[in-house]
């Protein structure tokens, strides 16, 4: 999950994430969906906003 999150934060597409991890695009999409669900967001941009909000709160 951390690997997928790190690749998401680099702005990679599902296809690129799959290639980096040696998995299919479909599997990458499922992992991305799991990350988004874990953070309670629907979109990649919302994930970034949530992570920034959490980081600001922690400082």
PDB file of N, CA and C in Angstrom:
ATOM      1  N   UNK A   1       0.820  -1.186   0.000  1.00  0.00           N
ATOM      2  CA  UNK A   1       0.000   0.000   0.000  1.00  0.00           C
ATOM      3  C   UNK A   1       0.867   1.253   0.000  1.00  0.00           C
ATOM      4  N   UNK A   2       1.966   1.238   0.751  1.00  0.00           N
ATOM      5  CA  UNK A   2       2.847   2.403   0.794  1.00  0.00           C
ATOM      6  C   UNK A   2       3.498   2.662  -0.561  1.00  0.00           C
ATOM      7  N   UNK A   3       3.820   1.589  -1.269  1.00  0.00           N
ATOM      8  CA  UNK A   3       4.421   1.751  -2.598  1.00  0.00           C
ATOM      9  C   UNK A   3       3.440   2.425  -3.544  1.00  0.00           C
ATOM     10  N   UNK A   4       2.203   1.995  -3.511  1.00  0.00           N
ATOM     11  CA  UNK A   4       1.180   2.576  -4.379  1.00  0.00           C
ATOM     12  C   UNK A   4       0.960   4.033  -4.013  1.00  0.00           C
ATOM     13  N   UNK A   5       0.886   4.336  -2.736  1.00  0.00           N
ATOM     14  CA  UNK A   5       0.712   5.718  -2.289  1.00  0.00           C
ATOM     15  C   UNK A   5       1.867   6.584  -2.773  1.00  0.00           C
ATOM     16  N   UNK A   6       3.089   6.100  -2.638  1.00  0.00           N
ATOM     17  CA  UNK A   6       4.253   6.864  -3.086  1.00  0.00           C
ATOM     18  C   UNK A   6       4.196   7.136  -4.588  1.00  0.00           C
ATOM     19  N   UNK A   7       3.773   6.151  -5.356  1.00  0.00           N
ATOM     20  CA  UNK A   7       3.679   6.324  -6.807  1.00  0.00           C
ATOM     21  C   UNK A   7       2.529   7.259  -7.176  1.00  0.00           C
ATOM     22  N   UNK A   8       1.433   7.182  -6.427  1.00  0.00           N
ATOM     23  CA  UNK A   8       0.324   8.112  -6.639  1.00  0.00           C
ATOM     24  C   UNK A   8       0.778   9.552  -6.424  1.00  0.00           C
ATOM     25  N   UNK A   9       1.552   9.757  -5.374  1.00  0.00           N
ATOM     26  CA  UNK A   9       2.024  11.103  -5.057  1.00  0.00           C
ATOM     27  C   UNK A   9       3.013  11.628  -6.091  1.00  0.00           C
ATOM     28  N   UNK A  10       3.599  10.737  -6.868  1.00  0.00           N
ATOM     29  CA  UNK A  10       4.461  11.145  -7.977  1.00  0.00           C
ATOM     30  C   UNK A  10       3.644  11.493  -9.215  1.00  0.00           C
ATOM     31  N   UNK A  11       2.327  11.277  -9.146  1.00  0.00           N
ATOM     32  CA  UNK A  11       1.454  11.606 -10.254  1.00  0.00           C
ATOM     33  C   UNK A  11       1.365  10.550 -11.331  1.00  0.00           C
ATOM     34  N   UNK A  12       1.750   9.323 -11.017  1.00  0.00           N
ATOM     35  CA  UNK A  12       1.727   8.255 -12.016  1.00  0.00           C
ATOM     36  C   UNK A  12       0.307   7.767 -12.272  1.00  0.00           C
ATOM     37  N   UNK A  13       0.065   7.331 -13.494  1.00  0.00           N
ATOM     38  CA  UNK A  13      -1.217   6.756 -13.880  1.00  0.00           C
ATOM     39  C   UNK A  13      -1.273   5.306 -13.408  1.00  0.00           C
ATOM     40  N   UNK A  14      -2.457   4.716 -13.483  1.00  0.00           N
ATOM     41  CA  UNK A  14      -2.594   3.303 -13.121  1.00  0.00           C
ATOM     42  C   UNK A  14      -1.684   2.434 -13.978  1.00  0.00           C
ATOM     43  N   UNK A  15      -1.617   2.750 -15.262  1.00  0.00           N
ATOM     44  CA  UNK A  15      -0.760   1.989 -16.171  1.00  0.00           C
ATOM     45  C   UNK A  15       0.706   2.089 -15.742  1.00  0.00           C
ATOM     46  N   UNK A  16       1.149   3.304 -15.387  1.00  0.00           N
ATOM     47  CA  UNK A  16       2.537   3.507 -14.961  1.00  0.00           C
ATOM     48  C   UNK A  16       2.809   2.828 -13.616  1.00  0.00           C
ATOM     49  N   UNK A  17       1.838   2.900 -12.711  1.00  0.00           N
ATOM     50  CA  UNK A  17       1.989   2.226 -11.415  1.00  0.00           C
ATOM     51  C   UNK A  17       2.120   0.720 -11.632  1.00  0.00           C
ATOM     52  N   UNK A  18       1.275   0.183 -12.489  1.00  0.00           N
ATOM     53  CA  UNK A  18       1.343  -1.239 -12.793  1.00  0.00           C
ATOM     54  C   UNK A  18       2.695  -1.642 -13.350  1.00  0.00           C
ATOM     55  N   UNK A  19       3.202  -0.832 -14.281  1.00  0.00           N
ATOM     56  CA  UNK A  19       4.509  -1.132 -14.880  1.00  0.00           C
ATOM     57  C   UNK A  19       5.620  -1.086 -13.833  1.00  0.00           C
ATOM     58  N   UNK A  20       5.588  -0.114 -12.965  1.00  0.00           N
ATOM     59  CA  UNK A  20       6.623   0.001 -11.929  1.00  0.00           C
ATOM     60  C   UNK A  20       6.596  -1.163 -10.950  1.00  0.00           C
ATOM     61  N   UNK A  21       5.379  -1.634 -10.645  1.00  0.00           N
ATOM     62  CA  UNK A  21       5.242  -2.694  -9.648  1.00  0.00           C
ATOM     63  C   UNK A  21       5.193  -4.091 -10.264  1.00  0.00           C
ATOM     64  N   UNK A  22       5.181  -4.149 -11.587  1.00  0.00           N
ATOM     65  CA  UNK A  22       5.125  -5.446 -12.251  1.00  0.00           C
ATOM     66  C   UNK A  22       3.770  -6.119 -12.129  1.00  0.00           C
ATOM     67  N   UNK A  23       2.709  -5.319 -12.111  1.00  0.00           N
ATOM     68  CA  UNK A  23       1.345  -5.836 -12.014  1.00  0.00           C
ATOM     69  C   UNK A  23       0.524  -5.268 -13.166  1.00  0.00           C
ATOM     70  N   UNK A  24      -0.645  -5.818 -13.385  1.00  0.00           N
ATOM     71  CA  UNK A  24      -1.490  -5.324 -14.477  1.00  0.00           C
ATOM     72  C   UNK A  24      -2.093  -3.962 -14.119  1.00  0.00           C
ATOM     73  N   UNK A  25      -2.556  -3.272 -15.153  1.00  0.00           N
ATOM     74  CA  UNK A  25      -3.210  -1.977 -14.937  1.00  0.00           C
ATOM     75  C   UNK A  25      -4.458  -2.171 -14.082  1.00  0.00           C
ATOM     76  N   UNK A  26      -5.167  -3.259 -14.313  1.00  0.00           N
ATOM     77  CA  UNK A  26      -6.377  -3.544 -13.539  1.00  0.00           C
ATOM     78  C   UNK A  26      -6.043  -3.720 -12.057  1.00  0.00           C
ATOM     79  N   UNK A  27      -5.012  -4.473 -11.763  1.00  0.00           N
ATOM     80  CA  UNK A  27      -4.599  -4.675 -10.366  1.00  0.00           C
ATOM     81  C   UNK A  27      -4.138  -3.366  -9.749  1.00  0.00           C
ATOM     82  N   UNK A  28      -3.410  -2.570 -10.521  1.00  0.00           N
ATOM     83  CA  UNK A  28      -2.976  -1.264 -10.031  1.00  0.00           C
ATOM     84  C   UNK A  28      -4.190  -0.397  -9.707  1.00  0.00           C
ATOM     85  N   UNK A  29      -5.201  -0.429 -10.565  1.00  0.00           N
ATOM     86  CA  UNK A  29      -6.410   0.359 -10.328  1.00  0.00           C
ATOM     87  C   UNK A  29      -7.084  -0.079  -9.026  1.00  0.00           C
ATOM     88  N   UNK A  30      -7.112  -1.377  -8.769  1.00  0.00           N
ATOM     89  CA  UNK A  30      -7.709  -1.888  -7.527  1.00  0.00           C
ATOM     90  C   UNK A  30      -6.917  -1.396  -6.320  1.00  0.00           C
ATOM     91  N   UNK A  31      -5.593  -1.431  -6.406  1.00  0.00           N
ATOM     92  CA  UNK A  31      -4.760  -0.947  -5.301  1.00  0.00           C
ATOM     93  C   UNK A  31      -4.979   0.548  -5.076  1.00  0.00           C
ATOM     94  N   UNK A  32      -5.056   1.306  -6.157  1.00  0.00           N
ATOM     95  CA  UNK A  32      -5.306   2.749  -6.042  1.00  0.00           C
ATOM     96  C   UNK A  32      -6.659   2.981  -5.375  1.00  0.00           C
ATOM     97  N   UNK A  33      -7.666   2.250  -5.786  1.00  0.00           N
ATOM     98  CA  UNK A  33      -8.995   2.373  -5.177  1.00  0.00           C
ATOM     99  C   UNK A  33      -8.942   2.070  -3.685  1.00  0.00           C
ATOM    100  N   UNK A  34      -8.172   1.063  -3.312  1.00  0.00           N
ATOM    101  CA  UNK A  34      -8.028   0.719  -1.890  1.00  0.00           C
ATOM    102  C   UNK A  34      -7.375   1.848  -1.107  1.00  0.00           C
ATOM    103  N   UNK A  35      -6.360   2.486  -1.684  1.00  0.00           N
ATOM    104  CA  UNK A  35      -5.697   3.615  -1.020  1.00  0.00           C
ATOM    105  C   UNK A  35      -6.689   4.760  -0.846  1.00  0.00           C
ATOM    106  N   UNK A  36      -7.414   5.092  -1.909  1.00  0.00           N
ATOM    107  CA  UNK A  36      -8.383   6.180  -1.833  1.00  0.00           C
ATOM    108  C   UNK A  36      -9.443   5.887  -0.775  1.00  0.00           C
ATOM    109  N   UNK A  37      -9.904   4.645  -0.745  1.00  0.00           N
ATOM    110  CA  UNK A  37     -10.910   4.257   0.243  1.00  0.00           C
ATOM    111  C   UNK A  37     -10.367   4.364   1.661  1.00  0.00           C
ATOM    112  N   UNK A  38      -9.137   3.951   1.848  1.00  0.00           N
ATOM    113  CA  UNK A  38      -8.518   4.017   3.173  1.00  0.00           C
ATOM    114  C   UNK A  38      -8.505   5.450   3.700  1.00  0.00           C
ATOM    115  N   UNK A  39      -8.258   6.405   2.813  1.00  0.00           N
ATOM    116  CA  UNK A  39      -8.203   7.804   3.221  1.00  0.00           C
ATOM    117  C   UNK A  39      -9.556   8.500   3.124  1.00  0.00           C
ATOM    118  N   UNK A  40     -10.587   7.773   2.707  1.00  0.00           N
ATOM    119  CA  UNK A  40     -11.937   8.318   2.679  1.00  0.00           C
ATOM    120  C   UNK A  40     -12.169   9.362   1.602  1.00  0.00           C
ATOM    121  N   UNK A  41     -11.489   9.201   0.460  1.00  0.00           N
ATOM    122  CA  UNK A  41     -11.637  10.153  -0.642  1.00  0.00           C
ATOM    123  C   UNK A  41     -12.004   9.413  -1.923  1.00  0.00           C
ATOM    124  N   UNK A  42     -12.508  10.178  -2.918  1.00  0.00           N
ATOM    125  CA  UNK A  42     -12.909   9.564  -4.188  1.00  0.00           C
ATOM    126  C   UNK A  42     -11.895   9.783  -5.299  1.00  0.00           C
ATOM    127  N   UNK A  43     -11.142  10.869  -5.216  1.00  0.00           N
ATOM    128  CA  UNK A  43     -10.267  11.248  -6.321  1.00  0.00           C
ATOM    129  C   UNK A  43      -8.830  11.420  -5.838  1.00  0.00           C
ATOM    130  N   UNK A  44      -7.902  11.283  -6.775  1.00  0.00           N
ATOM    131  CA  UNK A  44      -6.475  11.432  -6.458  1.00  0.00           C
ATOM    132  C   UNK A  44      -6.165  12.819  -5.902  1.00  0.00           C
ATOM    133  N   UNK A  45      -6.793  13.836  -6.468  1.00  0.00           N
ATOM    134  CA  UNK A  45      -6.553  15.201  -5.990  1.00  0.00           C
ATOM    135  C   UNK A  45      -7.046  15.373  -4.560  1.00  0.00           C
ATOM    136  N   UNK A  46      -8.162  14.723  -4.236  1.00  0.00           N
ATOM    137  CA  UNK A  46      -8.670  14.779  -2.868  1.00  0.00           C
ATOM    138  C   UNK A  46      -7.707  14.086  -1.904  1.00  0.00           C
ATOM    139  N   UNK A  47      -7.056  13.037  -2.380  1.00  0.00           N
ATOM    140  CA  UNK A  47      -6.068  12.337  -1.559  1.00  0.00           C
ATOM    141  C   UNK A  47      -4.926  13.277  -1.187  1.00  0.00           C
ATOM    142  N   UNK A  48      -4.421  13.990  -2.175  1.00  0.00           N
ATOM    143  CA  UNK A  48      -3.332  14.930  -1.912  1.00  0.00           C
ATOM    144  C   UNK A  48      -3.773  16.000  -0.928  1.00  0.00           C
ATOM    145  N   UNK A  49      -4.963  16.543  -1.123  1.00  0.00           N
ATOM    146  CA  UNK A  49      -5.479  17.562  -0.210  1.00  0.00           C
ATOM    147  C   UNK A  49      -5.599  17.016   1.206  1.00  0.00           C
ATOM    148  N   UNK A  50      -6.086  15.785   1.330  1.00  0.00           N
ATOM    149  CA  UNK A  50      -6.231  15.163   2.651  1.00  0.00           C
ATOM    150  C   UNK A  50      -4.874  14.953   3.324  1.00  0.00           C
ATOM    151  N   UNK A  51      -3.904  14.489   2.560  1.00  0.00           N
ATOM    152  CA  UNK A  51      -2.566  14.273   3.122  1.00  0.00           C
ATOM    153  C   UNK A  51      -1.925  15.585   3.556  1.00  0.00           C
ATOM    154  N   UNK A  52      -2.105  16.636   2.776  1.00  0.00           N
ATOM    155  CA  UNK A  52      -1.573  17.951   3.154  1.00  0.00           C
ATOM    156  C   UNK A  52      -2.257  18.472   4.413  1.00  0.00           C
ATOM    157  N   UNK A  53      -3.562  18.271   4.484  1.00  0.00           N
ATOM    158  CA  UNK A  53      -4.313  18.691   5.664  1.00  0.00           C
ATOM    159  C   UNK A  53      -3.828  17.948   6.899  1.00  0.00           C
ATOM    160  N   UNK A  54      -3.649  16.634   6.768  1.00  0.00           N
ATOM    161  CA  UNK A  54      -3.162  15.829   7.886  1.00  0.00           C
ATOM    162  C   UNK A  54      -1.758  16.252   8.307  1.00  0.00           C
ATOM    163  N   UNK A  55      -0.897  16.545   7.328  1.00  0.00           N
ATOM    164  CA  UNK A  55       0.477  16.970   7.636  1.00  0.00           C
ATOM    165  C   UNK A  55       0.477  18.303   8.362  1.00  0.00           C
ATOM    166  N   UNK A  56      -0.382  19.219   7.942  1.00  0.00           N
ATOM    167  CA  UNK A  56      -0.455  20.529   8.590  1.00  0.00           C
ATOM    168  C   UNK A  56      -0.963  20.403  10.026  1.00  0.00           C
ATOM    169  N   UNK A  57      -1.895  19.499  10.231  1.00  0.00           N
ATOM    170  CA  UNK A  57      -2.449  19.279  11.567  1.00  0.00           C
ATOM    171  C   UNK A  57      -1.415  18.669  12.502  1.00  0.00           C
ATOM    172  N   UNK A  58      -0.539  17.837  11.950  1.00  0.00           N
ATOM    173  CA  UNK A  58       0.476  17.144  12.761  1.00  0.00           C
ATOM    174  C   UNK A  58       1.648  18.044  13.143  1.00  0.00           C
ATOM    175  N   UNK A  59       1.763  19.192  12.508  1.00  0.00           N
ATOM    176  CA  UNK A  59       2.911  20.079  12.822  1.00  0.00           C
ATOM    177  C   UNK A  59       2.551  21.105  13.834  1.00  0.00           C
TER     178      UNK A  59
END
